[in-house]
N, C-alpha and C. Protein backbone atom coordinates (compact mmCIF):
# COMPACT_ATOMS: atom_id res chain seq x y z
N MET A 1 89.82 109.35 66.30
CA MET A 1 89.02 108.43 66.74
C MET A 1 89.03 108.51 68.31
N LYS A 2 90.23 108.87 69.05
CA LYS A 2 90.69 108.70 70.25
C LYS A 2 90.00 109.74 70.78
N PHE A 3 89.40 110.66 70.45
CA PHE A 3 88.74 112.04 71.31
C PHE A 3 87.00 110.61 71.20
N PHE A 4 86.92 110.38 70.38
CA PHE A 4 85.55 109.20 70.57
C PHE A 4 86.05 107.74 71.61
N ASP A 5 87.03 107.25 71.60
CA ASP A 5 87.38 106.52 72.55
C ASP A 5 87.63 107.03 73.75
N ARG A 6 87.84 108.43 73.92
CA ARG A 6 87.83 108.79 75.21
C ARG A 6 86.29 109.05 75.63
N ILE A 7 85.68 109.69 75.18
CA ILE A 7 84.00 109.67 75.41
C ILE A 7 83.20 108.07 75.50
N LEU A 8 83.21 107.01 74.77
CA LEU A 8 83.07 105.83 75.14
C LEU A 8 83.69 105.92 76.64
N ASP A 9 84.66 105.78 76.63
CA ASP A 9 85.58 104.59 78.61
C ASP A 9 84.70 105.85 79.17
N ARG A 10 83.78 107.14 79.52
CA ARG A 10 83.36 108.09 80.09
C ARG A 10 82.47 107.02 80.40
N ILE A 11 81.56 106.54 79.26
CA ILE A 11 80.24 106.74 79.26
C ILE A 11 80.39 105.18 79.43
N GLN A 12 80.93 103.81 79.78
CA GLN A 12 81.39 103.04 80.43
C GLN A 12 81.98 102.54 81.71
N GLY A 13 82.35 104.05 82.12
CA GLY A 13 83.26 103.79 83.32
C GLY A 13 84.37 104.00 83.33
N LYS A 14 85.01 103.63 82.43
CA LYS A 14 86.26 103.02 82.51
C LYS A 14 87.66 104.43 82.44
N ALA A 15 87.00 105.53 82.31
CA ALA A 15 87.75 107.16 82.21
C ALA A 15 87.71 106.70 84.15
N THR A 16 89.67 107.60 84.08
CA THR A 16 89.53 107.76 85.15
C THR A 16 88.94 108.69 86.52
N LYS A 17 89.06 108.65 87.35
CA LYS A 17 88.29 109.26 88.80
C LYS A 17 88.48 110.59 89.02
N GLY A 18 89.58 111.50 88.22
CA GLY A 18 90.16 112.39 88.49
C GLY A 18 91.17 112.89 88.66
N GLN A 19 91.71 111.62 88.73
CA GLN A 19 93.78 111.26 88.86
C GLN A 19 94.06 111.53 87.57
N LYS A 20 95.99 112.18 87.66
CA LYS A 20 96.02 112.31 85.77
C LYS A 20 96.44 111.19 86.09
N ARG A 21 96.97 111.26 84.99
CA ARG A 21 97.73 109.12 84.56
C ARG A 21 99.38 110.25 84.84
N ALA A 22 99.95 109.49 84.88
CA ALA A 22 101.62 109.67 84.87
C ALA A 22 102.13 110.05 83.91
N ASP A 23 103.13 111.27 83.45
CA ASP A 23 103.23 111.90 82.14
C ASP A 23 103.96 110.15 81.46
N GLY A 24 104.35 109.74 81.39
CA GLY A 24 105.03 108.67 81.00
C GLY A 24 104.08 107.50 81.17
N TRP A 25 102.95 107.19 81.42
CA TRP A 25 101.96 106.16 81.47
C TRP A 25 101.68 105.43 79.79
N LEU A 26 101.58 107.03 78.64
CA LEU A 26 101.07 105.97 77.55
C LEU A 26 102.14 104.87 76.87
N ASP A 27 103.89 105.44 76.90
CA ASP A 27 105.14 104.50 76.66
C ASP A 27 105.08 103.25 77.21
N PHE A 28 104.71 104.06 78.94
CA PHE A 28 105.00 102.53 79.78
C PHE A 28 103.80 101.32 79.42
N ARG A 29 102.83 102.03 79.35
CA ARG A 29 101.72 100.85 78.52
C ARG A 29 101.91 100.29 77.54
N ASP A 30 102.49 100.70 76.55
CA ASP A 30 102.84 100.47 74.98
C ASP A 30 104.00 99.29 75.67
N ALA A 31 104.65 99.29 75.97
CA ALA A 31 106.05 98.93 76.45
C ALA A 31 105.20 97.56 77.44
N TYR A 32 104.60 97.80 78.06
CA TYR A 32 103.84 96.60 78.87
C TYR A 32 103.31 95.86 77.65
N VAL A 33 102.62 95.85 76.64
CA VAL A 33 101.62 95.50 75.51
C VAL A 33 102.93 94.85 75.25
N ARG A 34 104.05 95.10 74.52
CA ARG A 34 104.67 94.30 74.03
C ARG A 34 105.57 93.30 74.51
N ASP A 35 105.55 93.66 75.61
CA ASP A 35 106.56 92.11 76.40
C ASP A 35 105.55 91.73 77.24
N ASN A 36 104.29 91.50 76.97
CA ASN A 36 103.06 90.32 77.24
C ASN A 36 102.21 91.07 76.32
N PRO A 37 102.80 89.88 75.33
CA PRO A 37 101.70 90.91 73.82
C PRO A 37 100.73 89.46 73.89
N CYS A 38 99.68 89.14 74.40
CA CYS A 38 98.68 88.32 74.31
C CYS A 38 98.11 88.47 76.18
N CYS A 39 96.85 87.95 75.81
CA CYS A 39 95.55 87.75 76.62
C CYS A 39 95.86 87.00 77.54
N VAL A 40 96.08 87.18 78.83
CA VAL A 40 96.82 85.82 79.86
C VAL A 40 95.62 85.30 79.54
N ILE A 41 93.87 85.32 79.38
CA ILE A 41 92.92 84.44 79.64
C ILE A 41 92.68 83.64 78.21
N CYS A 42 92.57 84.22 77.10
CA CYS A 42 92.71 83.66 75.46
C CYS A 42 93.51 83.36 74.73
N GLY A 43 94.33 84.13 75.12
CA GLY A 43 96.14 84.52 74.35
C GLY A 43 95.65 84.71 73.22
N ALA A 44 95.16 86.08 72.95
CA ALA A 44 94.33 87.11 72.14
C ALA A 44 96.17 87.60 71.76
N ARG A 45 96.19 88.36 70.51
CA ARG A 45 96.87 89.21 70.40
C ARG A 45 96.52 90.24 69.71
N LYS A 46 95.44 90.69 69.98
CA LYS A 46 94.83 91.82 69.27
C LYS A 46 93.82 92.50 70.22
N LYS A 47 93.74 92.95 69.97
CA LYS A 47 92.59 94.46 70.64
C LYS A 47 92.96 94.20 71.91
N LEU A 48 94.82 94.60 72.41
CA LEU A 48 95.04 94.21 74.03
C LEU A 48 94.84 95.09 74.61
N GLN A 49 94.47 95.37 75.77
CA GLN A 49 94.74 96.69 77.24
C GLN A 49 94.99 95.94 78.47
N VAL A 50 95.69 97.32 79.21
CA VAL A 50 96.80 96.65 80.21
C VAL A 50 95.40 96.97 81.22
N HIS A 51 95.34 96.20 82.49
CA HIS A 51 94.38 95.79 83.34
C HIS A 51 95.28 95.99 85.00
N HIS A 52 94.74 97.29 85.20
CA HIS A 52 95.45 97.32 86.66
C HIS A 52 94.74 96.27 87.41
N ILE A 53 96.10 95.73 88.44
CA ILE A 53 94.98 94.42 89.42
C ILE A 53 94.23 95.54 90.83
N VAL A 54 95.68 96.26 91.06
CA VAL A 54 94.33 97.59 92.30
C VAL A 54 94.11 98.53 91.22
N PRO A 55 93.18 99.11 91.42
CA PRO A 55 92.94 100.49 90.33
C PRO A 55 93.64 101.50 90.41
N PHE A 56 93.53 102.27 89.47
CA PHE A 56 94.48 103.19 89.53
C PHE A 56 94.08 103.99 90.37
N HIS A 57 92.46 104.15 90.08
CA HIS A 57 91.43 105.46 91.55
C HIS A 57 91.92 105.42 93.18
N ILE A 58 92.69 103.86 92.74
CA ILE A 58 92.86 103.12 94.38
C ILE A 58 94.31 103.96 94.74
N ALA A 59 94.93 103.50 93.57
CA ALA A 59 95.98 103.40 93.85
C ALA A 59 96.92 104.13 93.04
N PRO A 60 96.76 105.36 92.80
CA PRO A 60 97.90 105.82 91.69
C PRO A 60 98.91 105.60 91.43
N ASP A 61 99.89 105.45 93.23
CA ASP A 61 101.34 105.26 93.16
C ASP A 61 101.86 103.85 92.87
N LEU A 62 100.66 102.47 91.98
CA LEU A 62 100.99 101.65 91.08
C LEU A 62 100.95 101.63 89.68
N GLU A 63 100.41 102.76 89.09
CA GLU A 63 100.03 103.34 88.03
C GLU A 63 100.76 102.38 87.06
N LEU A 64 102.33 102.48 87.95
CA LEU A 64 103.29 102.22 86.95
C LEU A 64 104.33 101.03 87.16
N ASP A 65 103.51 99.92 88.07
CA ASP A 65 103.95 99.18 88.78
C ASP A 65 104.01 97.86 87.85
N PRO A 66 105.06 97.69 86.80
CA PRO A 66 104.60 95.95 86.36
C PRO A 66 103.65 94.77 87.18
N THR A 67 104.18 94.67 88.38
CA THR A 67 103.25 93.59 89.09
C THR A 67 102.40 94.16 89.08
N ASN A 68 101.70 95.52 89.07
CA ASN A 68 100.23 95.58 89.51
C ASN A 68 99.36 95.31 87.97
N LEU A 69 100.05 94.83 86.94
CA LEU A 69 99.47 94.59 85.88
C LEU A 69 99.52 93.24 85.09
N ILE A 70 98.21 93.17 83.95
CA ILE A 70 97.67 92.18 83.04
C ILE A 70 97.33 92.11 81.74
N THR A 71 97.82 91.98 80.94
CA THR A 71 97.18 91.79 79.64
C THR A 71 95.69 91.39 79.44
N LEU A 72 94.62 92.31 79.18
CA LEU A 72 93.49 91.51 78.97
C LEU A 72 92.87 92.11 77.49
N CYS A 73 91.90 91.21 76.71
CA CYS A 73 91.73 91.85 75.44
C CYS A 73 90.14 92.16 75.60
N VAL A 74 89.69 92.56 74.61
CA VAL A 74 88.84 93.16 74.37
C VAL A 74 88.08 92.65 72.98
N ASN A 75 88.61 91.64 72.64
CA ASN A 75 88.44 91.07 71.12
C ASN A 75 87.17 90.01 71.14
N LYS A 76 86.40 89.66 72.11
CA LYS A 76 85.72 88.75 72.24
C LYS A 76 86.16 87.24 71.60
N LYS A 77 87.53 86.64 71.83
CA LYS A 77 87.69 84.91 71.15
C LYS A 77 86.98 84.56 70.66
N HIS A 78 86.76 84.16 72.27
CA HIS A 78 85.47 82.85 72.78
C HIS A 78 84.22 83.48 72.97
N GLY A 79 83.76 84.53 72.46
CA GLY A 79 82.82 85.15 72.85
C GLY A 79 82.36 85.91 74.14
N ILE A 80 83.70 86.05 74.36
CA ILE A 80 83.96 86.99 76.21
C ILE A 80 84.75 88.15 75.41
N ASN A 81 84.33 88.75 76.57
CA ASN A 81 85.76 90.39 76.39
C ASN A 81 85.96 90.30 77.74
N CYS A 82 87.16 89.86 78.22
CA CYS A 82 88.41 88.78 78.74
C CYS A 82 88.29 90.55 79.64
N HIS A 83 88.84 91.47 79.44
CA HIS A 83 88.61 93.08 80.26
C HIS A 83 87.32 92.91 80.89
N LEU A 84 86.21 93.40 80.32
CA LEU A 84 85.44 93.53 80.77
C LEU A 84 84.72 92.50 81.93
N LEU A 85 84.54 90.70 81.11
CA LEU A 85 84.02 90.29 82.15
C LEU A 85 84.83 89.64 83.57
N VAL A 86 86.41 89.37 83.64
CA VAL A 86 87.06 89.19 84.53
C VAL A 86 87.94 90.17 85.16
N GLY A 87 88.41 91.20 84.10
CA GLY A 87 88.76 92.45 85.18
C GLY A 87 87.57 93.21 86.06
N HIS A 88 86.70 93.77 84.90
CA HIS A 88 85.21 94.23 85.77
C HIS A 88 84.49 93.85 86.00
N LEU A 89 84.14 92.23 86.06
CA LEU A 89 83.08 91.54 86.42
C LEU A 89 81.89 92.03 85.85
N GLY A 90 82.00 92.39 84.53
CA GLY A 90 80.96 93.24 83.65
C GLY A 90 80.46 94.35 83.98
N ASN A 91 81.25 94.84 84.63
CA ASN A 91 80.69 96.16 84.21
C ASN A 91 82.12 97.08 84.92
N TYR A 92 82.43 98.21 84.13
CA TYR A 92 83.64 98.38 84.02
C TYR A 92 83.31 99.73 85.38
N ARG A 93 82.62 99.77 85.63
CA ARG A 93 82.58 100.56 87.18
C ARG A 93 82.69 99.74 88.42
N LYS A 94 82.63 98.54 88.01
CA LYS A 94 83.18 97.52 89.48
C LYS A 94 84.58 96.76 88.83
N THR A 95 85.66 96.89 89.97
CA THR A 95 86.48 95.92 89.99
C THR A 95 86.24 94.98 90.49
N ASN A 96 87.64 94.11 90.46
CA ASN A 96 87.45 92.06 91.02
C ASN A 96 88.68 92.18 91.69
N PRO A 97 88.72 92.06 92.95
CA PRO A 97 89.81 92.44 93.65
C PRO A 97 90.58 90.59 93.19
N ASN A 98 89.91 89.43 92.65
CA ASN A 98 90.60 88.59 92.61
C ASN A 98 90.84 88.10 90.81
N VAL A 99 91.13 89.56 90.24
CA VAL A 99 91.04 89.34 88.83
C VAL A 99 92.28 88.22 88.39
N VAL A 100 93.69 88.04 89.09
CA VAL A 100 94.85 87.71 88.55
C VAL A 100 94.08 85.97 89.05
N LEU A 101 93.56 85.08 89.97
CA LEU A 101 92.90 84.06 90.01
C LEU A 101 91.88 83.69 88.98
N ASP A 102 91.22 84.77 88.86
CA ASP A 102 89.72 84.33 88.15
C ASP A 102 90.12 83.98 86.06
N ALA A 103 91.61 85.14 86.05
CA ALA A 103 92.29 84.62 85.19
C ALA A 103 92.53 83.50 84.88
N MET A 104 93.07 82.95 85.61
CA MET A 104 94.10 81.76 85.84
C MET A 104 92.93 80.68 85.25
N MET A 105 91.60 80.84 86.12
CA MET A 105 90.15 80.01 86.45
C MET A 105 90.11 80.61 85.00
N TRP A 106 89.28 81.01 84.43
CA TRP A 106 89.12 81.19 82.64
C TRP A 106 90.07 81.00 81.95
N LYS A 107 91.36 81.07 81.83
CA LYS A 107 92.35 80.27 80.74
C LYS A 107 91.69 78.72 81.16
N TYR A 108 91.97 78.18 82.23
CA TYR A 108 91.68 76.66 82.75
C TYR A 108 90.62 76.10 81.91
N LYS A 109 89.53 76.86 81.58
CA LYS A 109 88.00 76.64 81.21
C LYS A 109 87.75 76.96 80.02
N LEU A 110 88.91 77.89 79.40
CA LEU A 110 88.97 77.93 77.53
C LEU A 110 89.55 77.07 77.05
N GLN A 111 90.39 76.36 77.65
CA GLN A 111 91.68 75.65 77.00
C GLN A 111 90.65 74.69 76.12
N ASP A 112 91.36 74.17 74.95
CA ASP A 112 91.04 73.39 74.41
C ASP A 112 91.05 71.82 74.34
């Protein structure tokens, strides 16, 4: 299944642009999600992904910096894919320099 996930990531533009992930990235990512177990926008606890505020391809040295990460989901809890919409402005090939502020705004808008 991971093979197909990598292919889908490349098609969507989520694959890294030539940089190799740090050896400890997968363990670090898993630990980050354990410590931050819900989407910062909608509160979902499933289908979580770690989003780099400053993208990995721009600042690979920030890859393992927890202050450069937020947890976003791809589960469409409120009819939106938080990672795609807020993290990438609707296109995984784009970056959102205001992702933290936008996440707070969307969280406020989605409150019941």
